[in-house]
Protein backbone atom coordinates (compact mmCIF):
# COMPACT_ATOMS: atom_id res chain seq x y z
CA UNK A 1 66.67 157.76 -77.86
CA UNK A 2 63.64 157.63 -75.58
CA UNK A 3 60.68 159.73 -76.83
CA UNK A 4 60.67 163.03 -75.02
CA UNK A 5 64.38 162.88 -74.14
CA UNK A 6 65.74 166.45 -74.12
CA UNK A 7 69.31 165.48 -74.91
CA UNK A 8 71.39 165.81 -78.06
CA UNK A 9 69.29 165.10 -81.12
CA UNK A 10 65.99 165.46 -79.25
CA UNK A 11 64.88 168.22 -81.65
CA UNK A 12 66.49 166.86 -84.80
CA UNK A 13 64.70 168.10 -87.90
CA UNK A 14 62.56 170.63 -86.09
CA UNK A 15 62.48 174.28 -87.21
CA UNK A 16 62.21 176.76 -84.35
CA UNK A 17 61.86 180.54 -84.30
CA UNK A 18 62.91 182.30 -81.07
CA UNK A 19 62.01 185.95 -80.47
CA UNK A 20 64.13 188.19 -78.30
CA UNK A 21 67.06 185.95 -79.24
CA UNK A 22 69.88 188.50 -79.09
CA UNK A 23 70.62 187.98 -75.38
CA UNK A 24 69.51 186.39 -72.12
CA UNK A 25 66.90 183.63 -72.16
CA UNK A 26 66.34 184.03 -75.90
CA UNK A 27 70.01 183.56 -76.69
CA UNK A 28 70.25 180.56 -74.34
CA UNK A 29 67.11 179.05 -75.89
CA UNK A 30 68.47 179.40 -79.41
CA UNK A 31 71.69 177.74 -78.29
CA UNK A 32 69.93 174.92 -76.46
CA UNK A 33 67.57 174.19 -79.34
CA UNK A 34 70.45 174.10 -81.80
CA UNK A 35 72.45 171.80 -79.53
CA UNK A 36 69.40 169.50 -79.43
CA UNK A 37 69.41 169.32 -83.23
CA UNK A 38 66.92 171.99 -84.26
CA UNK A 39 67.38 174.51 -87.02
CA UNK A 40 66.85 177.90 -85.44
CA UNK A 41 65.74 181.33 -86.63
CA UNK A 42 66.79 184.05 -84.18
CA UNK A 43 64.59 187.16 -84.22
CA UNK A 44 65.34 190.40 -82.38
CA UNK A 45 65.84 194.13 -82.90
CA UNK A 46 69.58 194.42 -82.29
CA UNK A 47 71.21 193.37 -85.54
CA UNK A 48 74.83 193.12 -84.40
CA UNK A 49 74.10 191.04 -81.30
CA UNK A 50 71.61 188.94 -83.25
CA UNK A 51 74.12 188.14 -85.98
CA UNK A 52 76.58 186.97 -83.32
CA UNK A 53 74.04 184.64 -81.69
CA UNK A 54 72.73 183.24 -84.96
CA UNK A 55 76.25 182.69 -86.26
CA UNK A 56 77.17 180.85 -83.09
CA UNK A 57 74.33 178.34 -83.48
CA UNK A 58 74.44 178.01 -87.26
CA UNK A 59 71.05 179.68 -87.38
CA UNK A 60 69.25 182.38 -89.31
CA UNK A 61 69.32 185.99 -88.10
CA UNK A 62 66.07 187.93 -88.61
CA UNK A 63 66.16 191.56 -87.54
CA UNK A 64 62.64 192.59 -86.53
CA UNK A 65 60.69 194.30 -83.75
CA UNK A 66 57.76 192.28 -82.38
CA UNK A 67 56.16 195.55 -81.21
CA UNK A 68 55.86 196.68 -84.83
CA UNK A 69 53.19 194.58 -86.56
CA UNK A 70 54.57 194.85 -90.07
CA UNK A 71 58.11 194.15 -88.91
CA UNK A 72 56.98 191.15 -86.85
CA UNK A 73 54.97 189.58 -89.66
CA UNK A 74 57.73 190.14 -92.20
CA UNK A 75 60.25 188.65 -89.79
CA UNK A 76 58.21 185.49 -89.30
CA UNK A 77 57.88 185.00 -93.05
CA UNK A 78 61.61 185.54 -93.54
CA UNK A 79 62.29 182.90 -90.90
CA UNK A 80 59.83 180.43 -92.41
CA UNK A 81 61.28 180.96 -95.89
CA UNK A 82 64.84 180.45 -94.64
CA UNK A 83 64.00 177.29 -92.70
CA UNK A 84 61.49 175.85 -95.15
CA UNK A 85 58.66 176.16 -92.63
CA UNK A 86 58.23 176.34 -88.86
CA UNK A 87 57.52 173.65 -86.30
CA UNK A 88 57.69 175.80 -83.17
CA UNK A 89 57.69 179.40 -82.00
CA UNK A 90 59.20 180.50 -78.69
CA UNK A 91 57.67 183.87 -77.83
CA UNK A 92 60.47 185.07 -75.58
CA UNK A 93 60.72 188.79 -76.39
CA UNK A 94 59.70 190.82 -73.36
CA UNK A 95 59.88 194.21 -71.69
CA UNK A 96 59.83 194.98 -67.97
CA UNK A 97 59.74 198.46 -66.45
CA UNK A 98 59.04 198.81 -62.73
CA UNK A 99 57.01 201.66 -61.23
CA UNK A 100 53.76 202.16 -59.38
CA UNK A 101 50.78 203.44 -61.34
CA UNK A 102 51.09 206.79 -59.57
CA UNK A 103 54.68 207.23 -60.74
CA UNK A 104 54.60 205.26 -63.99
CA UNK A 105 54.92 206.57 -67.51
CA UNK A 106 52.34 205.73 -70.19
CA UNK A 107 55.15 205.24 -72.68
CA UNK A 108 56.55 202.45 -70.49
CA UNK A 109 53.11 200.84 -70.06
CA UNK A 110 52.60 200.98 -73.82
CA UNK A 111 55.97 199.38 -74.52
CA UNK A 112 55.24 196.49 -72.14
CA UNK A 113 51.82 195.91 -73.65
CA UNK A 114 53.16 196.18 -77.20
CA UNK A 115 55.96 193.68 -76.62
CA UNK A 116 54.61 191.32 -73.95
CA UNK A 117 51.02 191.04 -75.20
CA UNK A 118 50.43 192.40 -78.70
CA UNK A 119 53.82 191.29 -80.01
CA UNK A 120 53.21 187.76 -78.76
CA UNK A 121 49.79 187.73 -80.43
CA UNK A 122 51.02 189.05 -83.78
CA UNK A 123 53.99 186.68 -83.94
CA UNK A 124 51.83 183.71 -82.99
CA UNK A 125 49.17 184.59 -85.56
CA UNK A 126 51.82 184.93 -88.26
CA UNK A 127 53.27 181.53 -87.33
CA UNK A 128 49.97 179.62 -87.30
CA UNK A 129 49.78 178.72 -91.02
CA UNK A 130 53.22 177.14 -90.70
CA UNK A 131 52.53 175.43 -87.38
CA UNK A 132 49.36 173.84 -88.74
CA UNK A 133 51.53 172.01 -91.25
CA UNK A 134 53.87 170.72 -88.53
CA UNK A 135 53.61 167.45 -86.60
CA UNK A 136 53.43 168.55 -83.89
CA UNK A 137 53.32 172.34 -83.93
CA UNK A 138 54.34 174.16 -80.76
CA UNK A 139 53.74 177.58 -79.24
CA UNK A 140 55.89 178.28 -76.18
CA UNK A 141 55.08 181.54 -74.42
CA UNK A 142 57.68 182.89 -72.03
CA UNK A 143 55.86 184.37 -69.07
CA UNK A 144 57.04 184.88 -65.49
CA UNK A 145 56.14 183.94 -61.97
CA UNK A 146 54.70 187.48 -62.02
CA UNK A 147 52.05 186.04 -64.32
CA UNK A 148 50.86 183.96 -61.36
CA UNK A 149 51.06 186.60 -58.60
CA UNK A 150 51.97 190.29 -58.18
CA UNK A 151 55.29 190.45 -56.29
CA UNK A 152 55.12 194.13 -55.31
CA UNK A 153 53.37 197.39 -56.16
CA UNK A 154 56.05 198.54 -58.60
CA UNK A 155 55.61 195.34 -60.64
CA UNK A 156 51.83 195.62 -60.95
CA UNK A 157 51.62 196.69 -64.59
CA UNK A 158 54.35 194.27 -65.69
CA UNK A 159 52.60 191.47 -63.81
CA UNK A 160 49.37 192.46 -65.55
CA UNK A 161 50.95 191.84 -68.94
CA UNK A 162 52.22 188.45 -67.81
CA UNK A 163 48.84 187.50 -66.36
CA UNK A 164 47.54 188.30 -69.84
CA UNK A 165 50.09 185.87 -71.32
CA UNK A 166 48.71 183.09 -69.12
CA UNK A 167 45.10 183.85 -70.12
CA UNK A 168 45.93 184.18 -73.82
CA UNK A 169 47.85 180.91 -73.69
CA UNK A 170 44.87 179.10 -72.20
CA UNK A 171 42.64 180.51 -74.92
CA UNK A 172 45.15 179.48 -77.58
CA UNK A 173 45.34 175.98 -76.14
CA UNK A 174 41.59 175.57 -76.51
CA UNK A 175 41.63 177.14 -79.98
CA UNK A 176 44.54 175.19 -81.42
CA UNK A 177 44.07 171.75 -79.87
CA UNK A 178 41.95 170.57 -82.83
CA UNK A 179 44.88 171.44 -85.12
CA UNK A 180 47.33 169.40 -83.05
CA UNK A 181 49.22 172.53 -81.98
CA UNK A 182 50.48 172.43 -78.40
CA UNK A 183 50.66 175.55 -76.23
CA UNK A 184 52.95 175.82 -73.22
CA UNK A 185 53.70 178.60 -70.76
CA UNK A 186 57.17 178.78 -69.21
CA UNK A 187 57.10 180.92 -66.05
CA UNK A 188 60.51 181.51 -64.44
CA UNK A 189 61.21 183.45 -61.30
CA UNK A 190 64.31 185.60 -61.00
CA UNK A 191 66.76 185.09 -63.87
CA UNK A 192 70.20 186.67 -64.12
CA UNK A 193 69.69 188.44 -67.42
CA UNK A 194 69.46 191.91 -68.94
CA UNK A 195 66.90 194.08 -67.25
CA UNK A 196 66.46 197.09 -69.52
CA UNK A 197 65.99 200.71 -68.50
CA UNK A 198 65.24 201.70 -64.88
CA UNK A 199 62.05 203.56 -65.74
CA UNK A 200 60.35 205.82 -63.22
CA UNK A 201 61.43 203.83 -60.13
CA UNK A 202 65.20 203.29 -60.22
CA UNK A 203 65.21 201.99 -56.63
CA UNK A 204 62.86 199.13 -57.51
CA UNK A 205 64.91 198.45 -60.62
CA UNK A 206 68.11 198.23 -58.59
CA UNK A 207 66.58 195.93 -55.97
CA UNK A 208 65.49 193.43 -58.60
CA UNK A 209 68.76 193.71 -60.51
CA UNK A 210 70.71 192.83 -57.37
CA UNK A 211 68.44 189.90 -56.58
CA UNK A 212 68.84 188.61 -60.12
CA UNK A 213 72.62 188.78 -59.84
CA UNK A 214 72.68 187.25 -56.34
CA UNK A 215 70.24 184.35 -56.64
CA UNK A 216 68.78 184.35 -60.15
CA UNK A 217 68.61 181.33 -62.39
CA UNK A 218 70.99 181.21 -65.33
CA UNK A 219 69.28 181.73 -68.70
CA UNK A 220 70.41 178.22 -69.62
CA UNK A 221 68.29 176.83 -66.76
CA UNK A 222 65.20 178.22 -68.45
CA UNK A 223 66.32 177.22 -71.93
CA UNK A 224 66.61 173.58 -70.86
CA UNK A 225 62.94 173.63 -69.90
CA UNK A 226 61.99 174.92 -73.36
CA UNK A 227 63.88 172.07 -75.00
CA UNK A 228 62.22 169.61 -72.62
CA UNK A 229 58.80 170.92 -73.68
CA UNK A 230 59.55 170.78 -77.39
CA UNK A 231 61.05 167.29 -77.12
CA UNK A 232 57.87 165.68 -75.81
CA UNK A 233 56.14 163.16 -78.08
CA UNK A 234 53.20 164.51 -80.06
CA UNK A 235 50.60 163.01 -77.71
CA UNK A 236 52.03 164.91 -74.70
CA UNK A 237 51.38 168.59 -73.98
CA UNK A 238 53.12 170.35 -71.11
CA UNK A 239 50.71 173.08 -70.07
CA UNK A 240 53.07 175.07 -67.86
CA UNK A 241 56.58 174.95 -66.47
CA UNK A 242 57.05 177.13 -63.38
CA UNK A 243 60.59 177.32 -62.01
CA UNK A 244 62.25 179.35 -59.29
CA UNK A 245 65.73 179.70 -57.86
CA UNK A 246 65.70 177.59 -54.71
CA UNK A 247 66.79 180.65 -52.74
CA UNK A 248 63.81 182.63 -54.02
CA UNK A 249 61.26 180.01 -53.02
């Protein structure tokens, strides 16, 4: 096998934790990593769905909420104990609620910040002692094309959280490079996946939901990029993967 090949066996022996793994991109990532030979810990809130995904990939199911610090830290340690350590974390858990600031709800803003920003930070921090022992260690942060630009007024707060993911990832890259830990941002455009609650602007929610269904990438399209990143040889770091449906471009 050529170094960096993302085919079968490309992740053999690696231990990967995927957050938000009960559906969508997280589920597809857990499946793709397992197919590439990794041992996978699937972390999410929804126990029944999570057990189904983990069982399907021969992985470990860890029921936890990344927005709850104690739950997130406990979940990471459960995953590390079950796998005998961690080589990579895929911070995929995310929340998106669309509304302008004038119409938005603080509870929705708080949820997006808690999941998209603070949850990512807590999970990453909890993983670091394990990743420092890996060769190489990897942090993959699932962002969005909304982390590179604001698509519309209703997406402003969500985009703000994803801009934060990009900035935090750059800081982490500088911080962790001396430890040999690689940091990558994956920024997809529209993906045909679960979209959550409509929030205060159901019209905006419905517009995006229809676009996702009509032209969105499949979750597996994004998952393949994660495997590609993790399969690179230790001396190669992929800083960012940005991908769009051709029809969206």
